[in-house]
Amino acid sequence: SINVGEVNTTIAEVKARYCASNSGAD
């Protein structure tokens, strides 16, 4: 991509939201 947008999160935040537990997982 030429531009995916501006950074608004971190790897740590992504992992805390989606990888800490399976609660709410699809």
PDB file of all heavy atoms in Angstrom:
ATOM      1  N   SER A   1       0.831  -1.198   0.000  1.00  0.00           N
ATOM      2  CA  SER A   1       0.000   0.000   0.000  1.00  0.00           C
ATOM      3  C   SER A   1       0.869   1.253   0.000  1.00  0.00           C
ATOM      4  O   SER A   1       1.957   1.276   0.585  1.00  0.00           O
ATOM      5  CB  SER A   1      -0.905   0.010   1.233  1.00  0.00           C
ATOM      6  OG  SER A   1      -1.608   1.225   1.344  1.00  0.00           O
ATOM      7  N   ILE A   2       0.402   2.297  -0.629  1.00  0.00           N
ATOM      8  CA  ILE A   2       1.090   3.581  -0.590  1.00  0.00           C
ATOM      9  C   ILE A   2       0.840   4.268   0.750  1.00  0.00           C
ATOM     10  O   ILE A   2       1.717   4.917   1.313  1.00  0.00           O
ATOM     11  CB  ILE A   2       0.628   4.478  -1.751  1.00  0.00           C
ATOM     12  CG1 ILE A   2       1.001   3.843  -3.094  1.00  0.00           C
ATOM     13  CG2 ILE A   2       1.229   5.882  -1.641  1.00  0.00           C
ATOM     14  CD1 ILE A   2       0.480   4.591  -4.300  1.00  0.00           C
ATOM     15  N   ASN A   3      -0.361   4.076   1.290  1.00  0.00           N
ATOM     16  CA  ASN A   3      -0.714   4.734   2.543  1.00  0.00           C
ATOM     17  C   ASN A   3      -1.832   3.952   3.226  1.00  0.00           C
ATOM     18  O   ASN A   3      -2.950   3.909   2.729  1.00  0.00           O
ATOM     19  CB  ASN A   3      -1.150   6.177   2.289  1.00  0.00           C
ATOM     20  CG  ASN A   3      -1.447   6.934   3.568  1.00  0.00           C
ATOM     21  OD1 ASN A   3      -1.196   6.441   4.670  1.00  0.00           O
ATOM     22  ND2 ASN A   3      -1.967   8.135   3.427  1.00  0.00           N
ATOM     23  N   VAL A   4      -1.543   3.345   4.370  1.00  0.00           N
ATOM     24  CA  VAL A   4      -2.571   2.602   5.112  1.00  0.00           C
ATOM     25  C   VAL A   4      -3.225   3.452   6.189  1.00  0.00           C
ATOM     26  O   VAL A   4      -4.135   2.986   6.887  1.00  0.00           O
ATOM     27  CB  VAL A   4      -1.980   1.323   5.756  1.00  0.00           C
ATOM     28  CG1 VAL A   4      -1.464   0.365   4.705  1.00  0.00           C
ATOM     29  CG2 VAL A   4      -0.904   1.670   6.782  1.00  0.00           C
ATOM     30  N   GLY A   5      -2.748   4.702   6.344  1.00  0.00           N
ATOM     31  CA  GLY A   5      -3.302   5.574   7.373  1.00  0.00           C
ATOM     32  C   GLY A   5      -2.282   5.903   8.452  1.00  0.00           C
ATOM     33  O   GLY A   5      -1.140   5.440   8.409  1.00  0.00           O
ATOM     34  N   GLU A   6      -2.703   6.697   9.404  1.00  0.00           N
ATOM     35  CA  GLU A   6      -1.823   7.116  10.487  1.00  0.00           C
ATOM     36  C   GLU A   6      -1.868   6.127  11.651  1.00  0.00           C
ATOM     37  O   GLU A   6      -2.920   5.562  11.960  1.00  0.00           O
ATOM     38  CB  GLU A   6      -2.220   8.509  10.979  1.00  0.00           C
ATOM     39  CG  GLU A   6      -2.041   9.601   9.934  1.00  0.00           C
ATOM     40  CD  GLU A   6      -0.605   9.727   9.458  1.00  0.00           C
ATOM     41  OE1 GLU A   6       0.303   9.699  10.329  1.00  0.00           O
ATOM     42  OE2 GLU A   6      -0.391   9.849   8.241  1.00  0.00           O
ATOM     43  N   VAL A   7      -0.732   5.958  12.277  1.00  0.00           N
ATOM     44  CA  VAL A   7      -0.632   5.039  13.416  1.00  0.00           C
ATOM     45  C   VAL A   7      -1.546   5.499  14.555  1.00  0.00           C
ATOM     46  O   VAL A   7      -1.536   6.675  14.939  1.00  0.00           O
ATOM     47  CB  VAL A   7       0.822   4.949  13.908  1.00  0.00           C
ATOM     48  CG1 VAL A   7       0.912   4.140  15.199  1.00  0.00           C
ATOM     49  CG2 VAL A   7       1.716   4.346  12.832  1.00  0.00           C
ATOM     50  N   ASN A   8      -2.349   4.569  15.084  1.00  0.00           N
ATOM     51  CA  ASN A   8      -3.248   4.909  16.194  1.00  0.00           C
ATOM     52  C   ASN A   8      -3.278   3.861  17.297  1.00  0.00           C
ATOM     53  O   ASN A   8      -4.093   3.928  18.212  1.00  0.00           O
ATOM     54  CB  ASN A   8      -4.666   5.159  15.683  1.00  0.00           C
ATOM     55  CG  ASN A   8      -5.253   3.963  14.943  1.00  0.00           C
ATOM     56  OD1 ASN A   8      -4.755   2.845  15.053  1.00  0.00           O
ATOM     57  ND2 ASN A   8      -6.304   4.203  14.177  1.00  0.00           N
ATOM     58  N   THR A   9      -2.382   2.870  17.215  1.00  0.00           N
ATOM     59  CA  THR A   9      -2.310   1.857  18.266  1.00  0.00           C
ATOM     60  C   THR A   9      -0.914   1.253  18.278  1.00  0.00           C
ATOM     61  O   THR A   9      -0.051   1.641  17.477  1.00  0.00           O
ATOM     62  CB  THR A   9      -3.382   0.768  18.059  1.00  0.00           C
ATOM     63  OG1 THR A   9      -3.439  -0.074  19.222  1.00  0.00           O
ATOM     64  CG2 THR A   9      -3.083  -0.091  16.843  1.00  0.00           C
ATOM     65  N   THR A  10      -0.666   0.317  19.183  1.00  0.00           N
ATOM     66  CA  THR A  10       0.635  -0.342  19.300  1.00  0.00           C
ATOM     67  C   THR A  10       0.445  -1.851  19.292  1.00  0.00           C
ATOM     68  O   THR A  10      -0.671  -2.362  19.466  1.00  0.00           O
ATOM     69  CB  THR A  10       1.345   0.055  20.608  1.00  0.00           C
ATOM     70  OG1 THR A  10       0.597  -0.473  21.721  1.00  0.00           O
ATOM     71  CG2 THR A  10       1.456   1.571  20.741  1.00  0.00           C
ATOM     72  N   ILE A  11       1.538  -2.562  19.118  1.00  0.00           N
ATOM     73  CA  ILE A  11       1.482  -4.023  19.173  1.00  0.00           C
ATOM     74  C   ILE A  11       0.973  -4.475  20.538  1.00  0.00           C
ATOM     75  O   ILE A  11       0.159  -5.399  20.640  1.00  0.00           O
ATOM     76  CB  ILE A  11       2.857  -4.642  18.869  1.00  0.00           C
ATOM     77  CG1 ILE A  11       3.251  -4.395  17.408  1.00  0.00           C
ATOM     78  CG2 ILE A  11       2.852  -6.150  19.156  1.00  0.00           C
ATOM     79  CD1 ILE A  11       4.636  -4.888  17.039  1.00  0.00           C
ATOM     80  N   ALA A  12       1.432  -3.801  21.589  1.00  0.00           N
ATOM     81  CA  ALA A  12       1.004  -4.168  22.943  1.00  0.00           C
ATOM     82  C   ALA A  12      -0.506  -4.026  23.093  1.00  0.00           C
ATOM     83  O   ALA A  12      -1.178  -4.893  23.671  1.00  0.00           O
ATOM     84  CB  ALA A  12       1.721  -3.306  23.978  1.00  0.00           C
ATOM     85  N   GLU A  13      -1.066  -2.947  22.573  1.00  0.00           N
ATOM     86  CA  GLU A  13      -2.503  -2.724  22.680  1.00  0.00           C
ATOM     87  C   GLU A  13      -3.295  -3.732  21.853  1.00  0.00           C
ATOM     88  O   GLU A  13      -4.352  -4.209  22.275  1.00  0.00           O
ATOM     89  CB  GLU A  13      -2.835  -1.294  22.249  1.00  0.00           C
ATOM     90  CG  GLU A  13      -2.318  -0.246  23.225  1.00  0.00           C
ATOM     91  CD  GLU A  13      -2.427   1.168  22.690  1.00  0.00           C
ATOM     92  OE1 GLU A  13      -2.632   1.343  21.470  1.00  0.00           O
ATOM     93  OE2 GLU A  13      -2.298   2.109  23.491  1.00  0.00           O
ATOM     94  N   VAL A  14      -2.775  -4.062  20.675  1.00  0.00           N
ATOM     95  CA  VAL A  14      -3.438  -5.058  19.825  1.00  0.00           C
ATOM     96  C   VAL A  14      -3.468  -6.414  20.524  1.00  0.00           C
ATOM     97  O   VAL A  14      -4.497  -7.100  20.558  1.00  0.00           O
ATOM     98  CB  VAL A  14      -2.721  -5.154  18.461  1.00  0.00           C
ATOM     99  CG1 VAL A  14      -3.220  -6.363  17.674  1.00  0.00           C
ATOM    100  CG2 VAL A  14      -2.939  -3.880  17.653  1.00  0.00           C
ATOM    101  N   LYS A  15      -2.350  -6.818  21.119  1.00  0.00           N
ATOM    102  CA  LYS A  15      -2.284  -8.105  21.796  1.00  0.00           C
ATOM    103  C   LYS A  15      -3.188  -8.137  23.027  1.00  0.00           C
ATOM    104  O   LYS A  15      -3.846  -9.144  23.299  1.00  0.00           O
ATOM    105  CB  LYS A  15      -0.830  -8.430  22.168  1.00  0.00           C
ATOM    106  CG  LYS A  15       0.042  -8.737  20.959  1.00  0.00           C
ATOM    107  CD  LYS A  15       1.515  -8.834  21.309  1.00  0.00           C
ATOM    108  CE  LYS A  15       1.856 -10.006  22.160  1.00  0.00           C
ATOM    109  NZ  LYS A  15       3.311 -10.185  22.335  1.00  0.00           N
ATOM    110  N   ALA A  16      -3.219  -7.016  23.770  1.00  0.00           N
ATOM    111  CA  ALA A  16      -4.079  -6.967  24.953  1.00  0.00           C
ATOM    112  C   ALA A  16      -5.552  -7.089  24.572  1.00  0.00           C
ATOM    113  O   ALA A  16      -6.348  -7.687  25.300  1.00  0.00           O
ATOM    114  CB  ALA A  16      -3.834  -5.669  25.711  1.00  0.00           C
ATOM    115  N   ARG A  17      -5.909  -6.560  23.422  1.00  0.00           N
ATOM    116  CA  ARG A  17      -7.313  -6.554  23.008  1.00  0.00           C
ATOM    117  C   ARG A  17      -7.747  -7.889  22.425  1.00  0.00           C
ATOM    118  O   ARG A  17      -8.876  -8.345  22.671  1.00  0.00           O
ATOM    119  CB  ARG A  17      -7.531  -5.442  21.990  1.00  0.00           C
ATOM    120  CG  ARG A  17      -8.965  -5.298  21.484  1.00  0.00           C
ATOM    121  CD  ARG A  17      -9.112  -4.033  20.680  1.00  0.00           C
ATOM    122  NE  ARG A  17     -10.449  -3.908  20.105  1.00  0.00           N
ATOM    123  CZ  ARG A  17     -10.865  -2.858  19.399  1.00  0.00           C
ATOM    124  NH1 ARG A  17     -10.049  -1.831  19.188  1.00  0.00           N
ATOM    125  NH2 ARG A  17     -12.094  -2.821  18.907  1.00  0.00           N
ATOM    126  N   TYR A  18      -6.867  -8.552  21.656  1.00  0.00           N
ATOM    127  CA  TYR A  18      -7.289  -9.724  20.899  1.00  0.00           C
ATOM    128  C   TYR A  18      -6.626 -11.037  21.324  1.00  0.00           C
ATOM    129  O   TYR A  18      -7.102 -12.107  20.929  1.00  0.00           O
ATOM    130  CB  TYR A  18      -7.014  -9.517  19.409  1.00  0.00           C
ATOM    131  CG  TYR A  18      -7.813  -8.401  18.786  1.00  0.00           C
ATOM    132  CD1 TYR A  18      -7.223  -7.165  18.503  1.00  0.00           C
ATOM    133  CD2 TYR A  18      -9.158  -8.565  18.472  1.00  0.00           C
ATOM    134  CE1 TYR A  18      -7.947  -6.131  17.927  1.00  0.00           C
ATOM    135  CE2 TYR A  18      -9.892  -7.545  17.887  1.00  0.00           C
ATOM    136  CZ  TYR A  18      -9.285  -6.333  17.619  1.00  0.00           C
ATOM    137  OH  TYR A  18     -10.009  -5.308  17.059  1.00  0.00           O
ATOM    138  N   CYS A  19      -5.535 -10.953  22.084  1.00  0.00           N
ATOM    139  CA  CYS A  19      -4.754 -12.167  22.369  1.00  0.00           C
ATOM    140  C   CYS A  19      -4.712 -12.548  23.843  1.00  0.00           C
ATOM    141  O   CYS A  19      -4.223 -13.633  24.179  1.00  0.00           O
ATOM    142  CB  CYS A  19      -3.320 -11.997  21.864  1.00  0.00           C
ATOM    143  SG  CYS A  19      -3.203 -11.535  20.119  1.00  0.00           S
ATOM    144  N   ALA A  20      -5.210 -11.685  24.725  1.00  0.00           N
ATOM    145  CA  ALA A  20      -5.148 -11.974  26.158  1.00  0.00           C
ATOM    146  C   ALA A  20      -6.076 -13.115  26.548  1.00  0.00           C
ATOM    147  O   ALA A  20      -5.765 -13.917  27.426  1.00  0.00           O
ATOM    148  CB  ALA A  20      -5.483 -10.718  26.961  1.00  0.00           C
ATOM    149  N   SER A  21      -7.241 -13.181  25.892  1.00  0.00           N
ATOM    150  CA  SER A  21      -8.189 -14.256  26.178  1.00  0.00           C
ATOM    151  C   SER A  21      -9.100 -14.426  24.967  1.00  0.00           C
ATOM    152  O   SER A  21      -9.114 -13.595  24.057  1.00  0.00           O
ATOM    153  CB  SER A  21      -9.027 -13.946  27.418  1.00  0.00           C
ATOM    154  OG  SER A  21     -10.021 -12.970  27.128  1.00  0.00           O
ATOM    155  N   ASN A  22      -9.875 -15.515  24.967  1.00  0.00           N
ATOM    156  CA  ASN A  22     -10.798 -15.772  23.861  1.00  0.00           C
ATOM    157  C   ASN A  22     -12.178 -15.183  24.104  1.00  0.00           C
ATOM    158  O   ASN A  22     -13.114 -15.440  23.343  1.00  0.00           O
ATOM    159  CB  ASN A  22     -10.909 -17.271  23.587  1.00  0.00           C
ATOM    160  CG  ASN A  22     -11.394 -18.053  24.795  1.00  0.00           C
ATOM    161  OD1 ASN A  22     -11.839 -17.480  25.791  1.00  0.00           O
ATOM    162  ND2 ASN A  22     -11.291 -19.379  24.715  1.00  0.00           N
ATOM    163  N   SER A  23     -12.307 -14.382  25.149  1.00  0.00           N
ATOM    164  CA  SER A  23     -13.587 -13.746  25.434  1.00  0.00           C
ATOM    165  C   SER A  23     -13.953 -12.779  24.306  1.00  0.00           C
ATOM    166  O   SER A  23     -13.189 -11.859  23.990  1.00  0.00           O
ATOM    167  CB  SER A  23     -13.510 -12.989  26.768  1.00  0.00           C
ATOM    168  OG  SER A  23     -14.716 -12.297  27.028  1.00  0.00           O
ATOM    169  N   GLY A  24     -15.082 -13.010  23.689  1.00  0.00           N
ATOM    170  CA  GLY A  24     -15.530 -12.155  22.602  1.00  0.00           C
ATOM    171  C   GLY A  24     -14.936 -12.478  21.251  1.00  0.00           C
ATOM    172  O   GLY A  24     -15.216 -11.772  20.270  1.00  0.00           O
ATOM    173  N   ALA A  25     -14.140 -13.539  21.161  1.00  0.00           N
ATOM    174  CA  ALA A  25     -13.527 -13.911  19.878  1.00  0.00           C
ATOM    175  C   ALA A  25     -14.590 -14.378  18.890  1.00  0.00           C
ATOM    176  O   ALA A  25     -15.618 -14.945  19.275  1.00  0.00           O
ATOM    177  CB  ALA A  25     -12.486 -15.000  20.085  1.00  0.00           C
ATOM    178  N   ASP A  26     -14.354 -14.148  17.607  1.00  0.00           N
ATOM    179  CA  ASP A  26     -15.292 -14.592  16.573  1.00  0.00           C
ATOM    180  C   ASP A  26     -15.363 -16.110  16.493  1.00  0.00           C
ATOM    181  O   ASP A  26     -16.414 -16.671  16.223  1.00  0.00           O
ATOM    182  CB  ASP A  26     -14.887 -14.021  15.209  1.00  0.00           C
ATOM    183  CG  ASP A  26     -15.170 -12.524  15.107  1.00  0.00           C
ATOM    184  OD1 ASP A  26     -15.845 -11.993  16.004  1.00  0.00           O
ATOM    185  OD2 ASP A  26     -14.695 -11.898  14.132  1.00  0.00           O
TER     186      ASP A  26
END
